[in-house]
N, C-alpha and C. Protein backbone atom coordinates (compact mmCIF):
# COMPACT_ATOMS: atom_id res chain seq x y z
N UNK A 1 7.98 -6.31 -8.41
CA UNK A 1 7.84 -5.08 -7.66
C UNK A 1 9.21 -4.47 -7.44
N UNK A 2 9.27 -3.16 -7.39
CA UNK A 2 10.50 -2.45 -7.09
C UNK A 2 10.81 -2.65 -5.62
N UNK A 3 12.05 -3.02 -5.27
CA UNK A 3 12.38 -3.23 -3.86
C UNK A 3 12.22 -1.94 -3.05
N UNK A 4 11.68 -2.07 -1.86
CA UNK A 4 11.50 -0.93 -0.98
C UNK A 4 12.80 -0.72 -0.21
N UNK A 5 13.38 0.49 -0.25
CA UNK A 5 14.63 0.74 0.47
C UNK A 5 14.48 0.54 1.98
N UNK A 6 15.58 0.20 2.63
CA UNK A 6 15.59 -0.01 4.08
C UNK A 6 15.18 1.27 4.79
N UNK A 7 14.35 1.14 5.81
CA UNK A 7 13.92 2.28 6.60
C UNK A 7 12.69 3.00 6.07
N UNK A 8 12.21 2.59 4.92
CA UNK A 8 11.02 3.23 4.33
C UNK A 8 9.77 2.58 4.92
N UNK A 9 8.83 3.41 5.35
CA UNK A 9 7.55 2.91 5.87
C UNK A 9 6.53 2.89 4.75
N UNK A 10 5.56 1.99 4.90
CA UNK A 10 4.47 1.88 3.94
C UNK A 10 3.18 2.25 4.68
N UNK A 11 2.54 3.31 4.25
CA UNK A 11 1.32 3.81 4.88
C UNK A 11 0.12 3.47 4.01
N UNK A 12 -0.91 2.86 4.61
CA UNK A 12 -2.18 2.62 3.92
C UNK A 12 -3.16 3.70 4.35
N UNK A 13 -3.73 4.40 3.40
CA UNK A 13 -4.77 5.38 3.69
C UNK A 13 -6.09 4.61 3.73
N UNK A 14 -6.69 4.52 4.90
CA UNK A 14 -7.91 3.72 5.04
C UNK A 14 -9.08 4.37 4.32
N UNK A 15 -10.14 3.61 4.17
CA UNK A 15 -11.29 4.09 3.43
C UNK A 15 -11.03 3.98 1.94
N UNK A 16 -11.82 4.69 1.14
CA UNK A 16 -11.62 4.65 -0.31
C UNK A 16 -11.22 6.03 -0.81
N UNK A 17 -10.57 6.04 -1.95
CA UNK A 17 -10.02 7.25 -2.54
C UNK A 17 -10.50 7.38 -3.97
N UNK A 18 -10.68 8.60 -4.43
CA UNK A 18 -11.03 8.88 -5.82
C UNK A 18 -9.82 8.54 -6.68
N UNK A 19 -9.93 7.48 -7.48
CA UNK A 19 -8.80 7.00 -8.27
C UNK A 19 -8.51 7.84 -9.51
N UNK A 20 -9.27 8.91 -9.71
CA UNK A 20 -8.95 9.83 -10.81
C UNK A 20 -7.78 10.73 -10.44
N UNK A 21 -7.43 10.76 -9.16
CA UNK A 21 -6.34 11.63 -8.69
C UNK A 21 -4.99 11.08 -9.12
N UNK A 22 -4.09 12.01 -9.43
CA UNK A 22 -2.72 11.67 -9.75
C UNK A 22 -1.82 12.01 -8.56
N UNK A 23 -0.53 12.14 -8.81
CA UNK A 23 0.40 12.42 -7.72
C UNK A 23 0.07 13.72 -6.98
N UNK A 24 -0.25 14.83 -7.67
CA UNK A 24 -0.55 16.06 -6.92
C UNK A 24 -1.74 15.92 -5.97
N UNK A 25 -2.84 15.32 -6.44
CA UNK A 25 -4.02 15.16 -5.59
C UNK A 25 -3.80 14.19 -4.44
N UNK A 26 -3.10 13.09 -4.72
CA UNK A 26 -2.83 12.11 -3.67
C UNK A 26 -1.84 12.65 -2.65
N UNK A 27 -0.85 13.41 -3.11
CA UNK A 27 0.10 13.98 -2.15
C UNK A 27 -0.57 15.02 -1.26
N UNK A 28 -1.55 15.73 -1.79
CA UNK A 28 -2.32 16.66 -0.97
C UNK A 28 -3.10 15.90 0.09
N UNK A 29 -3.65 14.73 -0.27
CA UNK A 29 -4.34 13.89 0.72
C UNK A 29 -3.38 13.42 1.81
N UNK A 30 -2.15 13.09 1.43
CA UNK A 30 -1.15 12.67 2.41
C UNK A 30 -0.91 13.80 3.40
N UNK A 31 -0.77 15.02 2.90
CA UNK A 31 -0.54 16.17 3.77
C UNK A 31 -1.72 16.47 4.67
N UNK A 32 -2.92 16.53 4.10
CA UNK A 32 -4.08 16.99 4.85
C UNK A 32 -4.74 15.89 5.68
N UNK A 33 -4.83 14.68 5.15
CA UNK A 33 -5.54 13.61 5.85
C UNK A 33 -4.62 12.80 6.75
N UNK A 34 -3.48 12.39 6.20
CA UNK A 34 -2.55 11.55 6.97
C UNK A 34 -1.57 12.36 7.81
N UNK A 35 -1.51 13.67 7.57
CA UNK A 35 -0.60 14.57 8.30
C UNK A 35 0.85 14.12 8.15
N UNK A 36 1.24 13.75 6.94
CA UNK A 36 2.60 13.30 6.63
C UNK A 36 3.14 14.13 5.47
N UNK A 37 4.46 14.07 5.28
CA UNK A 37 5.11 14.74 4.17
C UNK A 37 5.22 13.78 3.00
N UNK A 38 4.55 14.03 1.87
CA UNK A 38 4.60 13.09 0.75
C UNK A 38 5.96 13.01 0.08
N UNK A 39 6.85 13.95 0.36
CA UNK A 39 8.18 13.96 -0.24
C UNK A 39 9.24 13.33 0.67
N UNK A 40 8.81 12.68 1.77
CA UNK A 40 9.75 12.15 2.76
C UNK A 40 10.40 10.83 2.36
N UNK A 41 9.92 10.20 1.30
CA UNK A 41 10.51 8.94 0.85
C UNK A 41 9.73 7.71 1.27
N UNK A 42 8.67 7.88 2.06
CA UNK A 42 7.82 6.75 2.43
C UNK A 42 6.83 6.47 1.30
N UNK A 43 6.26 5.26 1.31
CA UNK A 43 5.25 4.88 0.32
C UNK A 43 3.87 5.10 0.92
N UNK A 44 2.97 5.64 0.13
CA UNK A 44 1.60 5.88 0.55
C UNK A 44 0.67 5.16 -0.43
N UNK A 45 -0.20 4.30 0.12
CA UNK A 45 -1.03 3.42 -0.70
C UNK A 45 -2.50 3.80 -0.52
N UNK A 46 -3.22 3.90 -1.64
CA UNK A 46 -4.63 4.28 -1.65
C UNK A 46 -5.42 3.22 -2.42
N UNK A 47 -6.65 2.96 -1.97
CA UNK A 47 -7.52 1.98 -2.64
C UNK A 47 -8.78 2.67 -3.13
N UNK A 48 -9.25 2.27 -4.30
CA UNK A 48 -10.47 2.82 -4.87
C UNK A 48 -11.72 2.25 -4.21
N UNK A 49 -12.86 2.82 -4.54
CA UNK A 49 -14.13 2.43 -3.94
C UNK A 49 -14.47 0.97 -4.19
N UNK A 50 -14.23 0.48 -5.40
CA UNK A 50 -14.56 -0.90 -5.74
C UNK A 50 -13.64 -1.93 -5.09
N UNK A 51 -12.46 -1.51 -4.66
CA UNK A 51 -11.55 -2.41 -3.97
C UNK A 51 -10.58 -3.16 -4.86
N UNK A 52 -10.73 -3.06 -6.17
CA UNK A 52 -9.87 -3.80 -7.07
C UNK A 52 -8.73 -2.99 -7.67
N UNK A 53 -8.59 -1.73 -7.25
CA UNK A 53 -7.57 -0.84 -7.80
C UNK A 53 -6.86 -0.12 -6.66
N UNK A 54 -5.53 -0.11 -6.70
CA UNK A 54 -4.77 0.67 -5.73
C UNK A 54 -3.77 1.55 -6.47
N UNK A 55 -3.39 2.63 -5.81
CA UNK A 55 -2.33 3.52 -6.29
C UNK A 55 -1.34 3.71 -5.16
N UNK A 56 -0.06 3.72 -5.52
CA UNK A 56 1.03 3.92 -4.56
C UNK A 56 1.82 5.13 -5.03
N UNK A 57 2.03 6.10 -4.12
CA UNK A 57 2.89 7.22 -4.46
C UNK A 57 4.16 7.14 -3.63
N UNK A 58 5.25 7.60 -4.24
CA UNK A 58 6.55 7.55 -3.59
C UNK A 58 7.43 8.61 -4.21
N UNK A 59 8.08 9.39 -3.38
CA UNK A 59 9.06 10.35 -3.86
C UNK A 59 10.42 9.79 -3.54
N UNK A 60 11.21 9.47 -4.56
CA UNK A 60 12.48 8.77 -4.36
C UNK A 60 13.68 9.69 -4.17
N UNK A 61 13.44 10.98 -4.01
CA UNK A 61 14.52 11.92 -3.83
C UNK A 61 14.88 12.64 -5.13
N UNK A 62 14.52 12.04 -6.26
CA UNK A 62 14.77 12.65 -7.56
C UNK A 62 13.49 13.10 -8.24
N UNK A 63 12.41 12.42 -7.90
CA UNK A 63 11.14 12.74 -8.53
C UNK A 63 10.01 11.92 -7.94
N UNK A 64 8.82 12.23 -8.42
CA UNK A 64 7.61 11.58 -7.91
C UNK A 64 7.29 10.34 -8.74
N UNK A 65 6.94 9.26 -8.05
CA UNK A 65 6.55 8.01 -8.69
C UNK A 65 5.10 7.70 -8.33
N UNK A 66 4.36 7.21 -9.31
CA UNK A 66 2.98 6.81 -9.10
C UNK A 66 2.82 5.42 -9.72
N UNK A 67 2.50 4.44 -8.87
CA UNK A 67 2.30 3.07 -9.31
C UNK A 67 0.83 2.72 -9.17
N UNK A 68 0.31 1.96 -10.11
CA UNK A 68 -1.09 1.55 -10.10
C UNK A 68 -1.16 0.05 -10.33
N UNK A 69 -2.07 -0.62 -9.59
CA UNK A 69 -2.32 -2.04 -9.84
C UNK A 69 -3.82 -2.28 -9.77
N UNK A 70 -4.30 -3.02 -10.77
CA UNK A 70 -5.72 -3.40 -10.83
C UNK A 70 -5.80 -4.91 -10.85
N UNK A 71 -6.57 -5.48 -9.93
CA UNK A 71 -6.76 -6.92 -9.91
C UNK A 71 -7.75 -7.34 -10.98
N UNK A 72 -7.48 -8.46 -11.61
CA UNK A 72 -8.41 -9.00 -12.60
C UNK A 72 -9.68 -9.50 -11.92
N UNK A 73 -9.50 -10.15 -10.77
CA UNK A 73 -10.63 -10.64 -9.97
C UNK A 73 -10.33 -10.39 -8.51
N UNK A 74 -11.36 -10.19 -7.73
CA UNK A 74 -11.19 -10.02 -6.29
C UNK A 74 -10.95 -8.57 -5.89
N UNK A 75 -10.65 -8.42 -4.60
CA UNK A 75 -10.45 -7.10 -4.02
C UNK A 75 -9.21 -7.11 -3.14
N UNK A 76 -8.58 -5.97 -3.00
CA UNK A 76 -7.46 -5.83 -2.09
C UNK A 76 -7.98 -5.80 -0.66
N UNK A 77 -7.32 -6.52 0.24
CA UNK A 77 -7.69 -6.52 1.65
C UNK A 77 -7.28 -5.17 2.23
N UNK A 78 -8.24 -4.53 2.91
CA UNK A 78 -8.02 -3.15 3.35
C UNK A 78 -8.53 -2.95 4.76
N UNK A 79 -7.84 -2.14 5.59
CA UNK A 79 -8.34 -1.86 6.94
C UNK A 79 -9.59 -0.98 6.89
N UNK A 80 -10.36 -0.99 7.97
CA UNK A 80 -11.59 -0.20 8.01
C UNK A 80 -11.28 1.29 8.05
N UNK A 81 -12.25 2.09 7.63
CA UNK A 81 -12.06 3.54 7.56
C UNK A 81 -11.84 4.16 8.93
N UNK A 82 -12.27 3.50 9.99
CA UNK A 82 -12.12 4.04 11.34
C UNK A 82 -10.67 4.09 11.78
N UNK A 83 -9.82 3.30 11.14
CA UNK A 83 -8.42 3.23 11.55
C UNK A 83 -7.61 4.45 11.14
N UNK A 84 -8.04 5.26 10.20
CA UNK A 84 -7.31 6.44 9.76
C UNK A 84 -6.19 6.09 8.80
N UNK A 85 -5.08 5.66 9.33
CA UNK A 85 -3.98 5.18 8.50
C UNK A 85 -3.31 4.02 9.22
N UNK A 86 -2.70 3.14 8.46
CA UNK A 86 -2.07 1.95 9.01
C UNK A 86 -0.68 1.84 8.40
N UNK A 87 0.31 1.51 9.21
CA UNK A 87 1.66 1.27 8.72
C UNK A 87 1.85 -0.24 8.58
N UNK A 88 2.34 -0.66 7.41
CA UNK A 88 2.62 -2.07 7.18
C UNK A 88 4.09 -2.22 6.76
N UNK A 89 4.59 -3.43 6.78
CA UNK A 89 5.96 -3.70 6.40
C UNK A 89 6.05 -3.85 4.87
N UNK A 90 7.25 -3.71 4.32
CA UNK A 90 7.40 -3.96 2.88
C UNK A 90 6.97 -5.38 2.49
N UNK A 91 7.19 -6.37 3.38
CA UNK A 91 6.75 -7.74 3.09
C UNK A 91 5.23 -7.81 3.01
N UNK A 92 4.54 -7.13 3.91
CA UNK A 92 3.08 -7.09 3.87
C UNK A 92 2.59 -6.38 2.61
N UNK A 93 3.32 -5.37 2.14
CA UNK A 93 2.97 -4.71 0.89
C UNK A 93 3.06 -5.70 -0.26
N UNK A 94 4.08 -6.55 -0.24
CA UNK A 94 4.21 -7.58 -1.27
C UNK A 94 3.00 -8.50 -1.30
N UNK A 95 2.54 -8.93 -0.11
CA UNK A 95 1.32 -9.76 -0.02
C UNK A 95 0.12 -8.99 -0.58
N UNK A 96 -0.01 -7.74 -0.16
CA UNK A 96 -1.14 -6.91 -0.60
C UNK A 96 -1.17 -6.81 -2.11
N UNK A 97 -0.02 -6.56 -2.73
CA UNK A 97 0.03 -6.41 -4.18
C UNK A 97 -0.29 -7.71 -4.91
N UNK A 98 -0.10 -8.85 -4.25
CA UNK A 98 -0.43 -10.14 -4.84
C UNK A 98 -1.87 -10.55 -4.58
N UNK A 99 -2.62 -9.72 -3.85
CA UNK A 99 -4.01 -10.03 -3.55
C UNK A 99 -4.17 -10.99 -2.38
N UNK A 100 -3.10 -11.15 -1.58
CA UNK A 100 -3.12 -12.05 -0.42
C UNK A 100 -3.47 -11.23 0.82
N UNK A 101 -4.18 -11.85 1.75
CA UNK A 101 -4.52 -11.17 3.01
C UNK A 101 -3.24 -10.93 3.79
N UNK A 102 -2.76 -9.70 3.81
CA UNK A 102 -1.50 -9.33 4.44
C UNK A 102 -1.57 -9.36 5.96
N UNK A 103 -2.78 -9.39 6.52
CA UNK A 103 -2.92 -9.38 7.98
C UNK A 103 -2.58 -10.72 8.59
N UNK A 104 -2.90 -11.82 7.90
CA UNK A 104 -2.65 -13.17 8.42
C UNK A 104 -2.28 -14.10 7.27
N UNK A 105 -1.09 -13.94 6.68
CA UNK A 105 -0.73 -14.86 5.59
C UNK A 105 -0.57 -16.28 6.12
N UNK A 106 -0.94 -17.24 5.31
CA UNK A 106 -0.88 -18.64 5.71
C UNK A 106 0.51 -19.21 5.43
N UNK A 107 1.09 -19.87 6.43
CA UNK A 107 2.37 -20.52 6.24
C UNK A 107 2.16 -21.82 5.48
N UNK A 108 3.14 -22.17 4.69
CA UNK A 108 3.08 -23.44 3.99
C UNK A 108 3.58 -24.54 4.93
N UNK A 109 3.28 -25.78 4.58
CA UNK A 109 3.66 -26.91 5.41
C UNK A 109 5.17 -27.09 5.39
N UNK A 110 5.76 -27.36 6.54
CA UNK A 110 7.18 -27.64 6.66
C UNK A 110 7.36 -28.97 7.37
N UNK A 111 8.28 -29.80 6.92
CA UNK A 111 8.53 -31.05 7.63
C UNK A 111 9.12 -30.78 9.01
N UNK A 112 8.77 -31.61 9.96
CA UNK A 112 9.29 -31.44 11.32
C UNK A 112 10.63 -32.12 11.52
N UNK A 113 10.95 -33.10 10.70
CA UNK A 113 12.23 -33.78 10.79
C UNK A 113 12.77 -34.08 9.39
N UNK A 114 14.07 -34.08 9.26
CA UNK A 114 14.69 -34.41 7.98
C UNK A 114 14.72 -35.92 7.81
N UNK A 115 14.44 -36.36 6.60
CA UNK A 115 14.56 -37.78 6.28
C UNK A 115 13.44 -38.57 6.68
């Protein structure tokens, strides 16, 4: 994954989105639904109806970027439509892109004492 610059927020658009949309259609959704500026440098993430496809839009200051990921199996964990939009951390975005539940990732076992 491309590293997310410091200070950039990651917005999840709750509910499902028509995945036929490209950057112009998704940026219009950012403006009208999320009430945000799509050119501000933040990442905006959308999930399709089936749950196995997401699109991320980002304007990096030079141009518009559109990233797409489709899971081979399973679905992306997504907040309910009642939430409107949710802000997550870049680390949580990394979990999301790996198909891991970003809300409560499981810690691995750590020894309590050395030796």
